[in-house]
């Protein structure tokens, strides 16, 4: 054993299968579901919040965005804390924080109180997102891990589809606070199960916490995500977007430079020398890009082009999530992985995701039938690509850094989703504005354009322009996802041919990770 390793306290799960592993998976998936639901459920409560709390438009935006901003900014820090202090411990802390903040949100008497509670929920959510995936990596062996990750990742699809439906059902019978109170029994039950069932694991050495790295990563991610969130509201060239984007990019650049110099980095930049890691990262961003952008476009297509209400639109988007859930819960994706390999799964899945987007663009312009076909094809693609991508990212990082790997995966999902909304939203707006009739020229949105029309023919032309913009942006998204899948698969295939395993960088932290693997 090396001298460096002798100073480190490494506690990893011993080889073998934890007896209660599937029950543990069910519990942490339930906890993960509450996190995903809270990303989507609040949208249906906007009228109630405006009336009961006297919230302004800006207040409502901060109620929704405070959660995602804090969560995205803390993902890497949360993952590093889980590795350092114990994944079971941080999972329990995340559940407590999430439950307490949910209670605070339900009892809020003003917009400021609700915004603060939502920020607190974001802290708990960051811990839950990272520790749940790290625990999955810990308790499942190589044979069962693909199926377990598939089930874990399908919870994301379930949350996005079920959020508006659950929110609408609760608001039909209770007040808006019920959206948060439902988290409490879940948090309590999950906390009891975690304490009783989940084995502890950590990889704590003698290093100091990377406080500056944590601060820089938070500044960088919050700046970038805030710019992406603000772009559709204030315009992509507005001062708010440009300044926040510049701060975010500068923060991320400073983070990367600092991590290259510090002896015990929070995220070792030498991982990016691993082609397997780079391929998984590139593919992860593109899968999230396709999913985030497509969900954004599908919602607008159903409501603004086909004329469905919010609840009906949510119901009609459910087949996509149901397809993902069925394929992952039955283990079909996991059974295909040994046959196709990770590169084959990723290129197949992303090709199907691209084909589904193209089918919706070409067949779903005037009816739901064409959209249904495209959504099912997209669901198959997501079920193949997303678990394979998450497994590739986590497998490219030493087991002692599983929390950081989960933080990277979560950060990629946040960034890719926001990027998909931003880019495809910009394509939609550009095409829409270019096709507007003369009477509505210069309008920046569908409602603004319709307000300028005077005849039925002009209104029809505006609707046609918007539908054409959505179709074009879906085709652009399909092309980007397909090309991204090819690039990711090529990088992963080359890494496999070179026999490149997860690299352990030549830093003190890397030496301790190597020692952990050796032990």
Protein backbone atom coordinates (compact mmCIF):
# COMPACT_ATOMS: atom_id res chain seq x y z
CA UNK A 1 0.00 0.00 0.00
CA UNK A 2 1.34 3.45 -0.89
CA UNK A 3 2.14 6.05 1.79
CA UNK A 4 -0.58 8.27 0.43
CA UNK A 5 -3.12 5.52 0.70
CA UNK A 6 -2.17 4.73 4.25
CA UNK A 7 -3.30 8.18 5.37
CA UNK A 8 -6.71 7.84 3.77
CA UNK A 9 -9.78 6.39 5.37
CA UNK A 10 -11.55 4.52 2.60
CA UNK A 11 -14.84 2.77 3.30
CA UNK A 12 -16.39 1.08 0.29
CA UNK A 13 -19.08 -1.52 -0.04
CA UNK A 14 -17.48 -4.98 -0.14
CA UNK A 15 -18.06 -7.19 -3.19
CA UNK A 16 -21.38 -9.00 -3.29
CA UNK A 17 -25.01 -8.13 -3.48
CA UNK A 18 -26.85 -6.26 -0.75
CA UNK A 19 -29.83 -8.39 0.24
CA UNK A 20 -32.34 -5.52 0.30
CA UNK A 21 -30.94 -3.79 -2.80
CA UNK A 22 -34.20 -3.72 -4.80
CA UNK A 23 -36.15 -2.41 -1.82
CA UNK A 24 -33.50 0.26 -1.34
CA UNK A 25 -33.80 1.14 -5.03
CA UNK A 26 -37.57 1.52 -4.68
CA UNK A 27 -37.13 3.87 -1.72
CA UNK A 28 -34.51 6.09 -3.33
CA UNK A 29 -36.49 6.21 -6.58
CA UNK A 30 -39.48 7.47 -4.60
CA UNK A 31 -37.27 10.15 -3.05
CA UNK A 32 -35.88 11.00 -6.49
CA UNK A 33 -39.42 11.27 -7.86
CA UNK A 34 -40.33 14.00 -5.36
CA UNK A 35 -37.31 16.00 -6.51
CA UNK A 36 -38.31 15.73 -10.19
CA UNK A 37 -41.96 16.48 -9.45
CA UNK A 38 -41.03 19.71 -7.71
CA UNK A 39 -39.29 20.83 -10.89
CA UNK A 40 -42.61 20.68 -12.79
CA UNK A 41 -45.56 20.69 -10.40
CA UNK A 42 -45.50 24.38 -9.47
CA UNK A 43 -46.36 25.57 -12.98
CA UNK A 44 -50.01 24.58 -12.57
CA UNK A 45 -50.31 26.56 -9.31
CA UNK A 46 -49.36 29.95 -10.76
CA UNK A 47 -52.95 31.35 -10.76
CA UNK A 48 -53.46 30.27 -7.13
CA UNK A 49 -50.15 31.74 -6.00
CA UNK A 50 -50.88 35.01 -7.75
CA UNK A 51 -54.25 35.30 -6.00
CA UNK A 52 -53.50 33.94 -2.51
CA UNK A 53 -50.03 35.42 -1.95
CA UNK A 54 -50.36 38.50 -4.13
CA UNK A 55 -47.35 37.33 -6.15
CA UNK A 56 -46.19 39.43 -9.08
CA UNK A 57 -44.95 37.94 -12.34
CA UNK A 58 -41.37 38.39 -11.16
CA UNK A 59 -42.21 36.69 -7.83
CA UNK A 60 -43.70 33.69 -9.63
CA UNK A 61 -40.62 33.38 -11.83
CA UNK A 62 -38.37 33.34 -8.76
CA UNK A 63 -40.62 30.80 -7.00
CA UNK A 64 -40.13 28.46 -9.94
CA UNK A 65 -36.48 29.25 -10.69
CA UNK A 66 -35.04 29.44 -7.14
CA UNK A 67 -35.34 25.66 -6.85
CA UNK A 68 -33.56 24.81 -10.10
CA UNK A 69 -30.90 27.52 -9.70
CA UNK A 70 -29.83 26.36 -6.24
CA UNK A 71 -30.00 22.68 -7.17
CA UNK A 72 -27.92 23.06 -10.34
CA UNK A 73 -25.35 25.21 -8.54
CA UNK A 74 -24.82 22.67 -5.76
CA UNK A 75 -24.76 19.37 -7.66
CA UNK A 76 -20.97 19.01 -7.85
CA UNK A 77 -20.52 20.19 -4.27
CA UNK A 78 -23.21 17.79 -3.06
CA UNK A 79 -21.59 14.87 -4.86
CA UNK A 80 -18.18 15.70 -3.43
CA UNK A 81 -19.66 15.97 0.08
CA UNK A 82 -21.28 12.54 -0.32
CA UNK A 83 -17.93 10.99 -1.25
CA UNK A 84 -16.12 12.73 1.59
CA UNK A 85 -18.58 12.45 4.49
CA UNK A 86 -20.60 9.37 3.55
CA UNK A 87 -23.28 8.75 0.93
CA UNK A 88 -25.82 7.34 3.38
CA UNK A 89 -25.29 10.27 5.72
CA UNK A 90 -25.69 12.88 2.98
CA UNK A 91 -28.76 11.06 1.60
CA UNK A 92 -30.36 11.28 5.05
CA UNK A 93 -29.40 14.96 5.37
CA UNK A 94 -30.89 15.65 1.94
CA UNK A 95 -34.18 14.01 2.90
CA UNK A 96 -34.38 16.03 6.13
CA UNK A 97 -33.61 19.31 4.38
CA UNK A 98 -36.05 18.57 1.59
CA UNK A 99 -38.83 17.65 4.04
CA UNK A 100 -38.30 20.68 6.31
CA UNK A 101 -38.14 23.06 3.34
CA UNK A 102 -41.30 21.50 1.87
CA UNK A 103 -43.11 22.16 5.15
CA UNK A 104 -41.86 25.73 5.08
CA UNK A 105 -43.11 26.14 1.52
CA UNK A 106 -46.57 24.80 2.42
CA UNK A 107 -46.84 27.25 5.34
CA UNK A 108 -45.43 30.29 3.49
CA UNK A 109 -47.41 33.49 3.96
CA UNK A 110 -45.61 35.69 1.45
CA UNK A 111 -43.81 35.36 -1.88
CA UNK A 112 -40.44 35.94 -0.17
CA UNK A 113 -41.01 33.10 2.28
CA UNK A 114 -41.99 30.71 -0.51
CA UNK A 115 -38.94 31.69 -2.59
CA UNK A 116 -36.66 31.04 0.40
CA UNK A 117 -38.32 27.68 1.06
CA UNK A 118 -37.93 26.69 -2.59
CA UNK A 119 -34.23 27.55 -2.40
CA UNK A 120 -33.96 25.30 0.67
CA UNK A 121 -35.67 22.52 -1.25
CA UNK A 122 -33.04 23.00 -3.96
CA UNK A 123 -30.28 22.29 -1.42
CA UNK A 124 -31.97 19.07 -0.35
CA UNK A 125 -32.71 18.19 -3.96
CA UNK A 126 -29.05 18.51 -4.96
CA UNK A 127 -28.05 16.07 -2.21
CA UNK A 128 -30.79 13.62 -3.22
CA UNK A 129 -30.00 13.67 -6.95
CA UNK A 130 -26.32 12.91 -6.37
CA UNK A 131 -26.54 10.47 -3.47
CA UNK A 132 -29.32 8.33 -4.94
CA UNK A 133 -27.28 7.53 -8.06
CA UNK A 134 -24.11 7.04 -5.99
CA UNK A 135 -25.95 4.54 -3.77
CA UNK A 136 -27.19 2.67 -6.87
CA UNK A 137 -23.57 2.35 -8.01
CA UNK A 138 -22.64 1.13 -4.54
CA UNK A 139 -25.24 -1.58 -3.90
CA UNK A 140 -25.53 -3.16 -7.37
CA UNK A 141 -22.83 -5.20 -9.08
CA UNK A 142 -21.85 -4.98 -12.74
CA UNK A 143 -24.50 -7.49 -13.85
CA UNK A 144 -27.48 -5.76 -12.25
CA UNK A 145 -26.29 -2.17 -12.42
CA UNK A 146 -27.55 -1.39 -15.98
CA UNK A 147 -31.10 -2.43 -15.06
CA UNK A 148 -30.96 -0.52 -11.78
CA UNK A 149 -29.71 2.65 -13.51
CA UNK A 150 -32.42 2.23 -16.13
CA UNK A 151 -35.09 2.14 -13.44
CA UNK A 152 -33.50 5.12 -11.67
CA UNK A 153 -33.34 7.17 -14.88
CA UNK A 154 -36.93 6.33 -15.86
CA UNK A 155 -38.06 8.14 -12.72
CA UNK A 156 -37.02 11.37 -14.46
CA UNK A 157 -39.43 10.70 -17.33
CA UNK A 158 -42.19 9.74 -14.90
CA UNK A 159 -41.70 12.96 -12.93
CA UNK A 160 -41.82 15.22 -15.96
CA UNK A 161 -45.00 13.56 -17.24
CA UNK A 162 -46.77 13.17 -13.89
CA UNK A 163 -45.95 16.57 -12.41
CA UNK A 164 -48.67 18.63 -14.12
CA UNK A 165 -51.21 15.82 -13.67
CA UNK A 166 -50.55 15.40 -9.94
CA UNK A 167 -50.48 19.15 -9.45
CA UNK A 168 -53.79 19.61 -11.22
CA UNK A 169 -55.45 16.81 -9.26
CA UNK A 170 -54.30 18.23 -5.90
CA UNK A 171 -55.39 21.76 -6.77
CA UNK A 172 -58.84 20.50 -7.72
CA UNK A 173 -59.41 19.36 -4.11
CA UNK A 174 -56.93 21.24 -1.88
CA UNK A 175 -55.06 24.54 -1.60
CA UNK A 176 -51.70 25.16 -3.25
CA UNK A 177 -49.75 24.18 -0.12
CA UNK A 178 -50.77 20.57 -0.67
CA UNK A 179 -48.25 20.47 -3.55
CA UNK A 180 -45.51 20.59 -0.92
CA UNK A 181 -47.15 18.73 1.96
CA UNK A 182 -47.26 15.52 -0.08
CA UNK A 183 -43.46 15.49 0.12
CA UNK A 184 -43.48 15.03 3.90
CA UNK A 185 -44.70 11.41 4.21
CA UNK A 186 -42.40 10.43 1.35
CA UNK A 187 -39.42 12.07 3.05
CA UNK A 188 -40.19 10.47 6.42
CA UNK A 189 -40.69 7.00 4.94
CA UNK A 190 -37.56 7.28 2.80
CA UNK A 191 -35.50 8.54 5.77
CA UNK A 192 -36.53 5.58 7.92
CA UNK A 193 -35.72 3.13 5.12
CA UNK A 194 -32.35 4.78 4.41
CA UNK A 195 -31.31 4.59 8.08
CA UNK A 196 -32.40 0.95 8.35
CA UNK A 197 -31.33 -0.47 4.99
CA UNK A 198 -28.69 1.55 3.13
CA UNK A 199 -25.06 0.60 3.92
CA UNK A 200 -22.67 3.49 4.51
CA UNK A 201 -19.80 4.19 2.16
CA UNK A 202 -17.34 7.03 1.83
CA UNK A 203 -13.86 7.75 0.54
CA UNK A 204 -12.57 10.22 3.04
CA UNK A 205 -8.89 11.09 3.01
CA UNK A 206 -6.83 13.62 4.88
CA UNK A 207 -7.43 16.37 2.30
CA UNK A 208 -9.01 19.69 3.06
CA UNK A 209 -12.41 20.48 1.51
CA UNK A 210 -12.14 22.34 -1.79
CA UNK A 211 -14.12 25.39 -0.64
CA UNK A 212 -12.99 27.73 -3.41
CA UNK A 213 -13.76 25.10 -6.03
CA UNK A 214 -17.24 24.69 -4.57
CA UNK A 215 -17.80 28.45 -4.67
CA UNK A 216 -16.57 28.80 -8.26
CA UNK A 217 -18.67 25.88 -9.46
CA UNK A 218 -21.77 27.40 -7.87
CA UNK A 219 -21.12 30.82 -9.42
CA UNK A 220 -20.51 29.26 -12.82
CA UNK A 221 -23.53 26.97 -12.91
CA UNK A 222 -25.94 29.51 -11.41
CA UNK A 223 -24.80 32.16 -13.89
CA UNK A 224 -25.18 29.91 -16.93
CA UNK A 225 -28.50 28.40 -15.83
CA UNK A 226 -29.91 31.84 -14.95
CA UNK A 227 -28.98 33.11 -18.41
CA UNK A 228 -30.70 30.14 -20.03
CA UNK A 229 -33.82 30.64 -17.89
CA UNK A 230 -33.94 34.40 -18.56
CA UNK A 231 -33.35 34.23 -22.32
CA UNK A 232 -36.91 33.36 -23.41
CA UNK A 233 -38.32 36.05 -21.07
CA UNK A 234 -36.04 39.07 -21.62
CA UNK A 235 -34.43 38.20 -24.97
CA UNK A 236 -31.14 36.45 -25.65
CA UNK A 237 -29.27 39.71 -26.26
CA UNK A 238 -30.63 41.49 -23.18
CA UNK A 239 -28.22 42.84 -20.58
CA UNK A 240 -29.45 40.39 -17.94
CA UNK A 241 -28.74 37.37 -20.12
CA UNK A 242 -25.37 38.55 -21.43
CA UNK A 243 -24.08 39.60 -18.00
CA UNK A 244 -25.22 36.44 -16.22
CA UNK A 245 -23.84 34.26 -19.02
CA UNK A 246 -20.49 36.08 -18.88
CA UNK A 247 -20.31 35.68 -15.10
CA UNK A 248 -21.25 32.01 -15.37
CA UNK A 249 -18.71 31.21 -18.09
CA UNK A 250 -15.99 33.12 -16.24
CA UNK A 251 -16.85 31.20 -13.07
CA UNK A 252 -16.65 27.84 -14.87
CA UNK A 253 -13.33 28.79 -16.50
CA UNK A 254 -11.90 29.85 -13.13
CA UNK A 255 -13.22 26.61 -11.63
CA UNK A 256 -11.43 24.51 -14.26
CA UNK A 257 -8.14 26.40 -13.77
CA UNK A 258 -8.36 26.12 -10.00
CA UNK A 259 -9.15 22.40 -10.12
CA UNK A 260 -6.01 21.83 -12.22
CA UNK A 261 -3.85 23.47 -9.53
CA UNK A 262 -5.35 22.33 -6.22
CA UNK A 263 -3.87 19.10 -4.71
CA UNK A 264 -7.30 17.68 -3.77
CA UNK A 265 -9.74 18.88 -6.45
CA UNK A 266 -13.48 18.58 -6.15
CA UNK A 267 -13.63 17.48 -9.81
CA UNK A 268 -10.32 16.30 -11.17
CA UNK A 269 -9.96 17.85 -14.63
CA UNK A 270 -7.69 14.98 -15.68
CA UNK A 271 -10.84 12.87 -16.10
CA UNK A 272 -11.32 14.81 -19.34
CA UNK A 273 -8.26 13.06 -20.76
CA UNK A 274 -10.30 9.87 -20.75
CA UNK A 275 -12.00 9.46 -24.14
CA UNK A 276 -14.63 7.25 -22.58
CA UNK A 277 -15.51 10.01 -20.14
CA UNK A 278 -15.51 12.68 -22.88
CA UNK A 279 -17.77 10.55 -25.09
CA UNK A 280 -20.18 9.94 -22.24
CA UNK A 281 -20.21 13.64 -21.31
CA UNK A 282 -20.85 14.72 -24.92
CA UNK A 283 -23.62 12.18 -25.32
CA UNK A 284 -25.16 13.07 -21.97
CA UNK A 285 -25.45 16.73 -22.91
CA UNK A 286 -27.03 15.85 -26.27
CA UNK A 287 -29.56 13.40 -24.77
CA UNK A 288 -30.61 16.05 -22.24
CA UNK A 289 -30.60 18.63 -25.06
CA UNK A 290 -32.99 16.50 -27.08
CA UNK A 291 -35.24 15.67 -24.13
CA UNK A 292 -35.38 19.19 -22.70
CA UNK A 293 -35.88 20.88 -26.04
CA UNK A 294 -38.44 18.33 -27.24
CA UNK A 295 -40.54 18.59 -24.05
CA UNK A 296 -40.54 22.38 -24.45
CA UNK A 297 -41.63 22.12 -28.09
CA UNK A 298 -44.16 19.33 -27.49
CA UNK A 299 -45.94 21.36 -24.83
CA UNK A 300 -46.27 24.37 -27.13
CA UNK A 301 -47.24 22.17 -30.09
CA UNK A 302 -50.09 20.54 -28.19
CA UNK A 303 -51.41 23.70 -26.58
CA UNK A 304 -50.77 26.44 -29.15
CA UNK A 305 -50.97 24.51 -32.43
CA UNK A 306 -53.42 21.67 -31.73
CA UNK A 307 -55.41 23.66 -29.15
CA UNK A 308 -55.36 21.33 -26.10
CA UNK A 309 -55.62 22.69 -22.57
CA UNK A 310 -52.78 22.19 -20.02
CA UNK A 311 -54.27 19.04 -18.47
CA UNK A 312 -55.17 17.48 -21.82
CA UNK A 313 -51.71 18.32 -23.15
CA UNK A 314 -50.11 16.62 -20.14
CA UNK A 315 -52.19 13.49 -20.67
CA UNK A 316 -51.23 13.36 -24.35
CA UNK A 317 -47.52 13.59 -23.53
CA UNK A 318 -47.77 10.61 -21.15
CA UNK A 319 -47.07 7.92 -23.84
CA UNK A 320 -43.47 9.10 -24.08
CA UNK A 321 -42.90 8.59 -20.35
CA UNK A 322 -44.87 5.33 -20.29
CA UNK A 323 -42.68 3.91 -23.08
CA UNK A 324 -39.50 4.79 -21.19
CA UNK A 325 -40.82 3.29 -17.95
CA UNK A 326 -42.01 0.05 -19.53
CA UNK A 327 -38.74 -0.62 -21.34
CA UNK A 328 -36.58 0.14 -18.30
CA UNK A 329 -38.70 -1.58 -15.65
CA UNK A 330 -38.95 -4.75 -17.74
CA UNK A 331 -35.16 -4.74 -18.13
CA UNK A 332 -35.22 -4.79 -21.94
CA UNK A 333 -32.64 -2.02 -22.20
CA UNK A 334 -30.36 -3.78 -19.70
CA UNK A 335 -30.58 -7.04 -21.67
CA UNK A 336 -29.65 -5.28 -24.91
CA UNK A 337 -26.56 -3.59 -23.42
CA UNK A 338 -24.29 -6.71 -23.50
CA UNK A 339 -25.30 -7.39 -27.10
CA UNK A 340 -24.99 -3.88 -28.53
CA UNK A 341 -22.37 -2.46 -26.18
CA UNK A 342 -22.44 1.04 -24.77
CA UNK A 343 -21.59 2.78 -28.09
CA UNK A 344 -24.24 0.74 -29.91
CA UNK A 345 -26.89 1.51 -27.28
CA UNK A 346 -26.11 5.21 -27.41
CA UNK A 347 -26.09 5.57 -31.19
CA UNK A 348 -29.25 3.44 -31.49
CA UNK A 349 -31.07 5.34 -28.77
CA UNK A 350 -30.12 8.79 -30.01
CA UNK A 351 -30.95 7.85 -33.60
CA UNK A 352 -34.44 6.79 -32.46
CA UNK A 353 -34.79 9.98 -30.41
CA UNK A 354 -33.89 11.99 -33.52
CA UNK A 355 -36.27 9.93 -35.67
CA UNK A 356 -39.09 10.54 -33.21
CA UNK A 357 -38.52 14.29 -33.27
CA UNK A 358 -38.45 14.27 -37.07
CA UNK A 359 -41.64 12.18 -37.19
CA UNK A 360 -43.45 14.66 -34.95
CA UNK A 361 -42.29 17.52 -37.18
CA UNK A 362 -43.34 15.83 -40.43
CA UNK A 363 -46.43 13.87 -39.32
CA UNK A 364 -47.81 15.69 -36.29
CA UNK A 365 -48.39 19.16 -37.65
CA UNK A 366 -52.18 18.85 -37.91
CA UNK A 367 -53.14 15.85 -35.75
CA UNK A 368 -52.25 14.03 -32.57
CA UNK A 369 -51.84 10.68 -34.36
CA UNK A 370 -48.55 11.66 -35.95
CA UNK A 371 -47.30 13.06 -32.66
CA UNK A 372 -48.19 9.83 -30.84
CA UNK A 373 -46.07 7.77 -33.21
CA UNK A 374 -43.15 10.13 -32.81
CA UNK A 375 -43.40 10.19 -29.00
CA UNK A 376 -43.36 6.39 -28.77
CA UNK A 377 -40.26 6.26 -30.99
CA UNK A 378 -38.67 8.97 -28.82
CA UNK A 379 -39.50 6.99 -25.70
CA UNK A 380 -37.74 3.91 -27.05
CA UNK A 381 -34.71 6.05 -27.88
CA UNK A 382 -34.55 7.62 -24.44
CA UNK A 383 -34.94 4.20 -22.76
CA UNK A 384 -31.92 2.92 -24.72
CA UNK A 385 -29.63 5.94 -24.55
CA UNK A 386 -30.13 7.56 -21.16
CA UNK A 387 -29.28 4.60 -18.85
CA UNK A 388 -26.34 3.65 -21.07
CA UNK A 389 -25.09 7.22 -20.90
CA UNK A 390 -25.39 7.45 -17.12
CA UNK A 391 -23.66 4.09 -16.75
CA UNK A 392 -20.86 5.21 -19.06
CA UNK A 393 -20.28 8.41 -17.08
CA UNK A 394 -20.29 6.62 -13.73
CA UNK A 395 -18.08 3.79 -15.04
CA UNK A 396 -15.51 6.28 -16.34
CA UNK A 397 -14.92 7.60 -12.81
CA UNK A 398 -13.32 5.55 -10.00
CA UNK A 399 -15.84 4.05 -7.55
CA UNK A 400 -14.37 6.16 -4.75
CA UNK A 401 -15.65 9.24 -6.62
CA UNK A 402 -19.19 7.94 -7.26
CA UNK A 403 -20.76 11.03 -5.69
CA UNK A 404 -18.79 13.36 -7.94
CA UNK A 405 -19.76 11.19 -10.92
CA UNK A 406 -23.42 11.55 -9.98
CA UNK A 407 -22.89 15.30 -9.64
CA UNK A 408 -21.39 15.43 -13.12
CA UNK A 409 -24.34 13.43 -14.50
CA UNK A 410 -26.85 15.75 -12.82
CA UNK A 411 -25.01 18.86 -13.98
CA UNK A 412 -24.99 17.59 -17.57
CA UNK A 413 -28.74 16.94 -17.39
CA UNK A 414 -29.41 20.46 -16.08
CA UNK A 415 -27.11 22.10 -18.61
CA UNK A 416 -28.26 20.01 -21.57
CA UNK A 417 -31.94 20.54 -20.77
CA UNK A 418 -31.50 24.29 -20.47
CA UNK A 419 -29.41 24.39 -23.64
CA UNK A 420 -32.08 22.46 -25.54
CA UNK A 421 -34.79 24.91 -24.48
CA UNK A 422 -32.56 27.88 -25.32
CA UNK A 423 -31.32 26.76 -28.74
CA UNK A 424 -34.53 25.20 -30.05
CA UNK A 425 -36.55 28.07 -28.58
CA UNK A 426 -34.33 30.54 -30.46
CA UNK A 427 -34.77 28.56 -33.71
CA UNK A 428 -38.54 28.53 -33.16
CA UNK A 429 -38.69 32.28 -32.56
CA UNK A 430 -36.44 33.11 -35.50
CA UNK A 431 -38.46 31.03 -37.96
CA UNK A 432 -41.76 32.26 -36.55
CA UNK A 433 -40.79 35.94 -36.86
CA UNK A 434 -39.51 35.41 -40.42
CA UNK A 435 -42.83 33.89 -41.57
CA UNK A 436 -45.20 36.35 -39.92
CA UNK A 437 -47.62 38.22 -42.21
CA UNK A 438 -47.07 41.94 -42.70
CA UNK A 439 -49.84 42.88 -40.26
CA UNK A 440 -48.02 41.12 -37.38
CA UNK A 441 -44.46 41.91 -38.43
CA UNK A 442 -42.13 42.59 -35.51
CA UNK A 443 -44.12 40.66 -32.91
CA UNK A 444 -41.94 38.51 -30.67
CA UNK A 445 -44.50 35.97 -29.49
CA UNK A 446 -47.67 34.22 -30.62
CA UNK A 447 -50.03 36.24 -28.35
CA UNK A 448 -48.40 39.51 -29.43
CA UNK A 449 -48.72 38.56 -33.10
CA UNK A 450 -52.37 37.54 -32.73
CA UNK A 451 -53.13 40.84 -30.99
CA UNK A 452 -52.06 42.70 -34.14
CA UNK A 453 -54.27 40.74 -36.53
CA UNK A 454 -57.66 41.95 -37.76
CA UNK A 455 -58.96 39.23 -40.07
CA UNK A 456 -59.34 35.46 -39.88
CA UNK A 457 -56.88 35.08 -42.74
CA UNK A 458 -54.22 37.00 -40.80
CA UNK A 459 -54.82 34.93 -37.67
CA UNK A 460 -54.54 31.72 -39.70
CA UNK A 461 -51.27 32.95 -41.20
CA UNK A 462 -49.88 33.67 -37.72
CA UNK A 463 -50.82 30.19 -36.48
CA UNK A 464 -49.28 28.65 -39.61
CA UNK A 465 -46.07 30.61 -39.01
CA UNK A 466 -45.86 29.36 -35.44
CA UNK A 467 -46.51 25.75 -36.48
CA UNK A 468 -43.80 26.04 -39.14
CA UNK A 469 -41.39 27.43 -36.54
CA UNK A 470 -42.03 24.48 -34.24
CA UNK A 471 -41.55 22.02 -37.11
CA UNK A 472 -38.25 23.61 -38.11
CA UNK A 473 -36.91 23.65 -34.56
CA UNK A 474 -37.86 19.97 -34.13
CA UNK A 475 -35.90 19.08 -37.27
CA UNK A 476 -32.90 21.08 -36.05
CA UNK A 477 -33.10 19.27 -32.73
CA UNK A 478 -33.31 15.91 -34.50
CA UNK A 479 -30.19 16.65 -36.54
CA UNK A 480 -28.24 17.80 -33.47
CA UNK A 481 -29.19 14.72 -31.44
CA UNK A 482 -28.34 12.33 -34.29
CA UNK A 483 -24.92 13.90 -34.93
CA UNK A 484 -24.23 14.03 -31.21
CA UNK A 485 -25.02 10.34 -30.90
CA UNK A 486 -22.55 9.51 -33.67
CA UNK A 487 -19.80 11.58 -32.05
CA UNK A 488 -20.38 10.07 -28.60
CA UNK A 489 -20.46 6.51 -29.99
CA UNK A 490 -17.25 7.03 -31.98
CA UNK A 491 -15.40 8.38 -28.93
CA UNK A 492 -16.61 5.52 -26.75
CA UNK A 493 -15.77 2.91 -29.39
CA UNK A 494 -12.24 4.28 -29.74
CA UNK A 495 -11.81 4.25 -25.97
CA UNK A 496 -12.95 0.61 -25.86
CA UNK A 497 -10.56 -0.41 -28.64
CA UNK A 498 -7.70 1.33 -26.84
CA UNK A 499 -8.65 -0.57 -23.69
CA UNK A 500 -8.99 2.70 -21.79
CA UNK A 501 -10.37 2.08 -18.34
CA UNK A 502 -11.36 4.83 -15.92
CA UNK A 503 -8.18 6.82 -15.42
CA UNK A 504 -6.99 7.70 -11.97
CA UNK A 505 -5.10 10.98 -12.34
CA UNK A 506 -1.68 11.52 -10.87
CA UNK A 507 -2.80 13.74 -8.00
CA UNK A 508 -3.01 12.98 -4.28
CA UNK A 509 -6.75 12.55 -4.65
CA UNK A 510 -6.20 10.25 -7.61
CA UNK A 511 -3.72 8.18 -5.64
CA UNK A 512 -6.26 7.71 -2.88
CA UNK A 513 -8.89 6.64 -5.42
CA UNK A 514 -6.40 4.10 -6.76
CA UNK A 515 -5.78 2.86 -3.27
CA UNK A 516 -9.51 2.48 -2.76
CA UNK A 517 -9.77 0.36 -5.87
CA UNK A 518 -6.81 -1.75 -4.83
CA UNK A 519 -8.28 -2.41 -1.42
